[in-house]
Amino acid sequence: MVVPVFFIGKALFNKWVGVLAAGLVAIMPGEYVSRTMLGSSDNPVAEVFFTAVALAFLIWAIKIASQNQMTFSHILKRDWKVILKPLIFSLCAGLFLGFYLATWQGALLFVFIIALYLIVQFIINHVKHKSNDYLCIISGITFLFGLIILLINPFTTDVTIAMVLAFLLPLVLYGISKFMSLRGLSTFYYP
């Protein structure tokens, strides 16, 4: 947990916040430490680890794609300088999200949190007249690869249907945003 927490702190703030967060996780007392001791294994260890790693990769993918102002035209032109890192990070985020979904059926809570973030960020970008391309690309890839991993060993059809809806969410939000922008409709209606 120390390594993913360091990278989450570094991505969100700076290197020293990452070091502080990693240090706090390393000395954090409680149930988590007792479940992760050598010789004792339990699936909550995998749940927390896969969540943290998926989140770290997702944060880095969104951050780099946003900074590079990645769009669909970059992908069509195969501008590897702009798209390579975000695509790799979103692919890794999707893989670890899929591993998390395969570990615990309640993992949809984390998917819901990501979906809630996406809805809010799509609204903010639309209202500020910023491109939502990078969000659609990154979240679409993340949810798609999470869904592929889930389909290899599905829990229930409910979880699979929820992941299909999560995959479709950024596409629908992007489509509505583009439609409203092309029609010149007020940004007030998007939320």
C-alpha atoms as a PDB file:
ATOM      1  CA  MET A   1       0.000   0.000   0.000  1.00  0.00           C
ATOM      2  CA  VAL A   2       2.912   2.333   0.646  1.00  0.00           C
ATOM      3  CA  VAL A   3       3.879   2.630  -3.023  1.00  0.00           C
ATOM      4  CA  PRO A   4       0.411   3.334  -4.511  1.00  0.00           C
ATOM      5  CA  VAL A   5      -0.384   5.796  -1.710  1.00  0.00           C
ATOM      6  CA  PHE A   6       2.874   7.644  -2.415  1.00  0.00           C
ATOM      7  CA  PHE A   7       1.971   7.997  -6.098  1.00  0.00           C
ATOM      8  CA  ILE A   8      -1.586   9.112  -5.309  1.00  0.00           C
ATOM      9  CA  GLY A   9      -0.271  11.828  -2.981  1.00  0.00           C
ATOM     10  CA  LYS A  10       2.373  12.873  -5.508  1.00  0.00           C
ATOM     11  CA  ALA A  11      -0.149  13.046  -8.359  1.00  0.00           C
ATOM     12  CA  LEU A  12      -2.702  15.044  -6.401  1.00  0.00           C
ATOM     13  CA  PHE A  13      -0.345  17.440  -4.606  1.00  0.00           C
ATOM     14  CA  ASN A  14       3.440  16.971  -4.671  1.00  0.00           C
ATOM     15  CA  LYS A  15       6.266  14.603  -3.776  1.00  0.00           C
ATOM     16  CA  TRP A  16       6.344  15.534  -0.088  1.00  0.00           C
ATOM     17  CA  VAL A  17       2.635  14.908   0.381  1.00  0.00           C
ATOM     18  CA  GLY A  18       3.185  11.509  -1.213  1.00  0.00           C
ATOM     19  CA  VAL A  19       6.032  10.771   1.216  1.00  0.00           C
ATOM     20  CA  LEU A  20       3.901  11.862   4.188  1.00  0.00           C
ATOM     21  CA  ALA A  21       0.917   9.788   3.056  1.00  0.00           C
ATOM     22  CA  ALA A  22       3.100   6.725   2.430  1.00  0.00           C
ATOM     23  CA  GLY A  23       4.721   7.148   5.847  1.00  0.00           C
ATOM     24  CA  LEU A  24       1.345   7.363   7.543  1.00  0.00           C
ATOM     25  CA  VAL A  25       0.121   4.224   5.777  1.00  0.00           C
ATOM     26  CA  ALA A  26       3.300   2.393   6.776  1.00  0.00           C
ATOM     27  CA  ILE A  27       2.791   3.075  10.500  1.00  0.00           C
ATOM     28  CA  MET A  28      -1.012   3.101  10.559  1.00  0.00           C
ATOM     29  CA  PRO A  29      -2.307   0.898  13.372  1.00  0.00           C
ATOM     30  CA  GLY A  30      -5.496  -1.068  13.235  1.00  0.00           C
ATOM     31  CA  GLU A  31      -7.241  -3.958  11.583  1.00  0.00           C
ATOM     32  CA  TYR A  32      -5.492  -3.505   8.242  1.00  0.00           C
ATOM     33  CA  VAL A  33      -2.069  -4.215   9.749  1.00  0.00           C
ATOM     34  CA  SER A  34      -3.246  -7.384  11.495  1.00  0.00           C
ATOM     35  CA  ARG A  35      -4.801  -8.729   8.286  1.00  0.00           C
ATOM     36  CA  THR A  36      -1.670  -8.089   6.230  1.00  0.00           C
ATOM     37  CA  MET A  37       0.960  -9.606   8.507  1.00  0.00           C
ATOM     38  CA  LEU A  38       3.179 -12.315   7.060  1.00  0.00           C
ATOM     39  CA  GLY A  39       1.458 -15.659   7.354  1.00  0.00           C
ATOM     40  CA  SER A  40      -2.039 -14.209   7.552  1.00  0.00           C
ATOM     41  CA  SER A  41      -3.915 -13.718   4.334  1.00  0.00           C
ATOM     42  CA  ASP A  42      -7.366 -12.393   3.722  1.00  0.00           C
ATOM     43  CA  ASN A  43      -9.092 -10.945   0.694  1.00  0.00           C
ATOM     44  CA  PRO A  44      -9.509  -7.404   2.181  1.00  0.00           C
ATOM     45  CA  VAL A  45      -5.773  -7.001   1.584  1.00  0.00           C
ATOM     46  CA  ALA A  46      -6.266  -7.555  -2.141  1.00  0.00           C
ATOM     47  CA  GLU A  47      -9.323  -5.306  -2.181  1.00  0.00           C
ATOM     48  CA  VAL A  48      -7.514  -2.353  -0.654  1.00  0.00           C
ATOM     49  CA  PHE A  49      -4.383  -2.901  -2.730  1.00  0.00           C
ATOM     50  CA  PHE A  50      -6.202  -3.225  -6.059  1.00  0.00           C
ATOM     51  CA  THR A  51      -8.334  -0.171  -5.250  1.00  0.00           C
ATOM     52  CA  ALA A  52      -5.298   1.949  -4.439  1.00  0.00           C
ATOM     53  CA  VAL A  53      -3.361   0.840  -7.513  1.00  0.00           C
ATOM     54  CA  ALA A  54      -6.349   1.345  -9.838  1.00  0.00           C
ATOM     55  CA  LEU A  55      -6.944   4.788  -8.358  1.00  0.00           C
ATOM     56  CA  ALA A  56      -3.264   5.744  -8.684  1.00  0.00           C
ATOM     57  CA  PHE A  57      -3.183   4.757 -12.364  1.00  0.00           C
ATOM     58  CA  LEU A  58      -6.516   6.494 -13.040  1.00  0.00           C
ATOM     59  CA  ILE A  59      -5.384   9.728 -11.393  1.00  0.00           C
ATOM     60  CA  TRP A  60      -2.129   9.742 -13.373  1.00  0.00           C
ATOM     61  CA  ALA A  61      -3.938   8.969 -16.629  1.00  0.00           C
ATOM     62  CA  ILE A  62      -6.448  11.786 -16.138  1.00  0.00           C
ATOM     63  CA  LYS A  63      -3.770  14.231 -14.982  1.00  0.00           C
ATOM     64  CA  ILE A  64      -1.428  13.610 -17.917  1.00  0.00           C
ATOM     65  CA  ALA A  65      -4.252  13.523 -20.484  1.00  0.00           C
ATOM     66  CA  SER A  66      -5.637  16.786 -19.121  1.00  0.00           C
ATOM     67  CA  GLN A  67      -2.235  18.481 -19.138  1.00  0.00           C
ATOM     68  CA  ASN A  68      -1.572  17.342 -22.730  1.00  0.00           C
ATOM     69  CA  GLN A  69      -5.131  18.310 -23.722  1.00  0.00           C
ATOM     70  CA  MET A  70      -5.596  14.901 -25.304  1.00  0.00           C
ATOM     71  CA  THR A  71      -8.409  14.654 -27.834  1.00  0.00           C
ATOM     72  CA  PHE A  72      -9.782  12.068 -30.218  1.00  0.00           C
ATOM     73  CA  SER A  73      -7.828  13.743 -33.030  1.00  0.00           C
ATOM     74  CA  HIS A  74      -4.577  12.864 -31.243  1.00  0.00           C
ATOM     75  CA  ILE A  75      -5.627   9.225 -31.341  1.00  0.00           C
ATOM     76  CA  LEU A  76      -6.661   9.377 -35.009  1.00  0.00           C
ATOM     77  CA  LYS A  77      -3.341  11.033 -35.915  1.00  0.00           C
ATOM     78  CA  ARG A  78      -1.482   8.538 -33.704  1.00  0.00           C
ATOM     79  CA  ASP A  79       0.318  11.304 -31.855  1.00  0.00           C
ATOM     80  CA  TRP A  80       2.170   8.916 -29.525  1.00  0.00           C
ATOM     81  CA  LYS A  81       3.882  11.748 -27.676  1.00  0.00           C
ATOM     82  CA  VAL A  82       0.510  12.883 -26.333  1.00  0.00           C
ATOM     83  CA  ILE A  83      -1.438   9.633 -26.055  1.00  0.00           C
ATOM     84  CA  LEU A  84       1.027   6.914 -25.019  1.00  0.00           C
ATOM     85  CA  LYS A  85       1.302   7.505 -21.257  1.00  0.00           C
ATOM     86  CA  PRO A  86      -2.389   8.231 -20.636  1.00  0.00           C
ATOM     87  CA  LEU A  87      -3.430   5.170 -22.634  1.00  0.00           C
ATOM     88  CA  ILE A  88      -1.011   2.897 -20.788  1.00  0.00           C
ATOM     89  CA  PHE A  89      -2.047   4.300 -17.394  1.00  0.00           C
ATOM     90  CA  SER A  90      -5.767   3.967 -18.186  1.00  0.00           C
ATOM     91  CA  LEU A  91      -5.201   0.409 -19.409  1.00  0.00           C
ATOM     92  CA  CYS A  92      -3.422  -0.419 -16.130  1.00  0.00           C
ATOM     93  CA  ALA A  93      -6.192   1.277 -14.151  1.00  0.00           C
ATOM     94  CA  GLY A  94      -8.736  -0.883 -15.975  1.00  0.00           C
ATOM     95  CA  LEU A  95      -6.774  -4.059 -15.337  1.00  0.00           C
ATOM     96  CA  PHE A  96      -6.498  -3.377 -11.613  1.00  0.00           C
ATOM     97  CA  LEU A  97     -10.145  -2.323 -11.484  1.00  0.00           C
ATOM     98  CA  GLY A  98     -10.995  -5.669 -13.073  1.00  0.00           C
ATOM     99  CA  PHE A  99      -8.842  -7.496 -10.525  1.00  0.00           C
ATOM    100  CA  TYR A 100     -10.660  -5.599  -7.783  1.00  0.00           C
ATOM    101  CA  LEU A 101     -14.044  -6.516  -9.242  1.00  0.00           C
ATOM    102  CA  ALA A 102     -12.952 -10.169  -9.352  1.00  0.00           C
ATOM    103  CA  THR A 103     -11.919  -9.998  -5.693  1.00  0.00           C
ATOM    104  CA  TRP A 104     -15.083  -8.597  -4.134  1.00  0.00           C
ATOM    105  CA  GLN A 105     -18.661  -8.286  -5.328  1.00  0.00           C
ATOM    106  CA  GLY A 106     -19.064  -5.025  -3.389  1.00  0.00           C
ATOM    107  CA  ALA A 107     -16.434  -3.435  -5.624  1.00  0.00           C
ATOM    108  CA  LEU A 108     -19.204  -1.668  -7.493  1.00  0.00           C
ATOM    109  CA  LEU A 109     -19.097   0.942  -4.743  1.00  0.00           C
ATOM    110  CA  PHE A 110     -15.694   2.039  -6.057  1.00  0.00           C
ATOM    111  CA  VAL A 111     -17.040   2.033  -9.622  1.00  0.00           C
ATOM    112  CA  PHE A 112     -19.926   4.211  -8.413  1.00  0.00           C
ATOM    113  CA  ILE A 113     -17.475   6.674  -6.836  1.00  0.00           C
ATOM    114  CA  ILE A 114     -15.520   6.912 -10.102  1.00  0.00           C
ATOM    115  CA  ALA A 115     -18.776   7.364 -12.038  1.00  0.00           C
ATOM    116  CA  LEU A 116     -19.856  10.128  -9.665  1.00  0.00           C
ATOM    117  CA  TYR A 117     -16.518  11.886 -10.166  1.00  0.00           C
ATOM    118  CA  LEU A 118     -16.925  11.602 -13.937  1.00  0.00           C
ATOM    119  CA  ILE A 119     -20.398  13.109 -13.872  1.00  0.00           C
ATOM    120  CA  VAL A 120     -19.191  16.077 -11.810  1.00  0.00           C
ATOM    121  CA  GLN A 121     -16.059  16.584 -13.940  1.00  0.00           C
ATOM    122  CA  PHE A 122     -18.010  16.349 -17.208  1.00  0.00           C
ATOM    123  CA  ILE A 123     -20.382  19.031 -15.909  1.00  0.00           C
ATOM    124  CA  ILE A 124     -17.523  21.287 -14.788  1.00  0.00           C
ATOM    125  CA  ASN A 125     -15.722  20.919 -18.120  1.00  0.00           C
ATOM    126  CA  HIS A 126     -18.895  21.517 -20.114  1.00  0.00           C
ATOM    127  CA  VAL A 127     -19.842  24.626 -18.143  1.00  0.00           C
ATOM    128  CA  LYS A 128     -16.289  26.013 -18.528  1.00  0.00           C
ATOM    129  CA  HIS A 129     -16.328  25.158 -22.276  1.00  0.00           C
ATOM    130  CA  LYS A 130     -13.393  22.746 -21.892  1.00  0.00           C
ATOM    131  CA  SER A 131     -12.975  19.585 -23.910  1.00  0.00           C
ATOM    132  CA  ASN A 132     -14.265  16.359 -22.397  1.00  0.00           C
ATOM    133  CA  ASP A 133     -12.368  14.195 -24.893  1.00  0.00           C
ATOM    134  CA  TYR A 134      -9.675  13.139 -22.440  1.00  0.00           C
ATOM    135  CA  LEU A 135     -12.230  12.118 -19.792  1.00  0.00           C
ATOM    136  CA  CYS A 136     -14.193  10.054 -22.284  1.00  0.00           C
ATOM    137  CA  ILE A 137     -11.084   8.299 -23.589  1.00  0.00           C
ATOM    138  CA  ILE A 138      -9.479   7.578 -20.214  1.00  0.00           C
ATOM    139  CA  SER A 139     -12.635   6.469 -18.410  1.00  0.00           C
ATOM    140  CA  GLY A 140     -13.872   4.490 -21.397  1.00  0.00           C
ATOM    141  CA  ILE A 141     -10.636   2.498 -21.586  1.00  0.00           C
ATOM    142  CA  THR A 142     -10.548   2.010 -17.824  1.00  0.00           C
ATOM    143  CA  PHE A 143     -14.105   0.712 -17.621  1.00  0.00           C
ATOM    144  CA  LEU A 144     -13.711  -1.387 -20.785  1.00  0.00           C
ATOM    145  CA  PHE A 145     -10.678  -3.273 -19.487  1.00  0.00           C
ATOM    146  CA  GLY A 146     -12.273  -3.629 -16.062  1.00  0.00           C
ATOM    147  CA  LEU A 147     -15.285  -5.152 -17.799  1.00  0.00           C
ATOM    148  CA  ILE A 148     -13.108  -7.513 -19.853  1.00  0.00           C
ATOM    149  CA  ILE A 149     -11.364  -8.799 -16.715  1.00  0.00           C
ATOM    150  CA  LEU A 150     -14.747  -9.171 -15.025  1.00  0.00           C
ATOM    151  CA  LEU A 151     -16.166 -11.151 -17.966  1.00  0.00           C
ATOM    152  CA  ILE A 152     -13.387 -13.700 -17.626  1.00  0.00           C
ATOM    153  CA  ASN A 153     -14.723 -14.652 -14.180  1.00  0.00           C
ATOM    154  CA  PRO A 154     -18.117 -12.967 -13.634  1.00  0.00           C
ATOM    155  CA  PHE A 155     -19.771 -12.874 -10.207  1.00  0.00           C
ATOM    156  CA  THR A 156     -23.327 -12.150 -11.215  1.00  0.00           C
ATOM    157  CA  THR A 157     -25.126 -10.612 -14.133  1.00  0.00           C
ATOM    158  CA  ASP A 158     -25.953  -7.605 -11.932  1.00  0.00           C
ATOM    159  CA  VAL A 159     -22.276  -6.684 -11.607  1.00  0.00           C
ATOM    160  CA  THR A 160     -21.698  -7.234 -15.317  1.00  0.00           C
ATOM    161  CA  ILE A 161     -24.679  -5.053 -16.245  1.00  0.00           C
ATOM    162  CA  ALA A 162     -23.458  -2.346 -13.875  1.00  0.00           C
ATOM    163  CA  MET A 163     -20.021  -2.404 -15.513  1.00  0.00           C
ATOM    164  CA  VAL A 164     -21.555  -2.165 -18.982  1.00  0.00           C
ATOM    165  CA  LEU A 165     -23.500   0.887 -17.784  1.00  0.00           C
ATOM    166  CA  ALA A 166     -20.317   2.333 -16.264  1.00  0.00           C
ATOM    167  CA  PHE A 167     -18.578   1.863 -19.624  1.00  0.00           C
ATOM    168  CA  LEU A 168     -21.440   3.596 -21.450  1.00  0.00           C
ATOM    169  CA  LEU A 169     -21.643   6.502 -18.968  1.00  0.00           C
ATOM    170  CA  PRO A 170     -18.680   8.550 -20.273  1.00  0.00           C
ATOM    171  CA  LEU A 171     -19.758   7.941 -23.865  1.00  0.00           C
ATOM    172  CA  VAL A 172     -23.274   9.201 -23.142  1.00  0.00           C
ATOM    173  CA  LEU A 173     -22.027  12.210 -21.162  1.00  0.00           C
ATOM    174  CA  TYR A 174     -19.592  13.070 -23.948  1.00  0.00           C
ATOM    175  CA  GLY A 175     -22.288  12.692 -26.601  1.00  0.00           C
ATOM    176  CA  ILE A 176     -24.723  14.931 -24.756  1.00  0.00           C
ATOM    177  CA  SER A 177     -22.009  17.550 -24.225  1.00  0.00           C
ATOM    178  CA  LYS A 178     -21.055  17.517 -27.920  1.00  0.00           C
ATOM    179  CA  PHE A 179     -24.704  17.632 -29.019  1.00  0.00           C
ATOM    180  CA  MET A 180     -25.406  20.621 -26.793  1.00  0.00           C
ATOM    181  CA  SER A 181     -22.270  22.431 -27.948  1.00  0.00           C
ATOM    182  CA  LEU A 182     -23.060  21.882 -31.635  1.00  0.00           C
ATOM    183  CA  ARG A 183     -26.674  23.033 -31.177  1.00  0.00           C
ATOM    184  CA  GLY A 184     -25.578  26.088 -29.185  1.00  0.00           C
ATOM    185  CA  LEU A 185     -27.759  25.146 -26.229  1.00  0.00           C
ATOM    186  CA  SER A 186     -27.148  26.851 -22.913  1.00  0.00           C
ATOM    187  CA  THR A 187     -24.694  25.137 -20.571  1.00  0.00           C
ATOM    188  CA  PHE A 188     -27.332  25.542 -17.859  1.00  0.00           C
ATOM    189  CA  TYR A 189     -29.223  22.519 -19.240  1.00  0.00           C
ATOM    190  CA  TYR A 190     -26.319  20.071 -19.173  1.00  0.00           C
ATOM    191  CA  PRO A 191     -26.490  19.154 -15.455  1.00  0.00           C
END
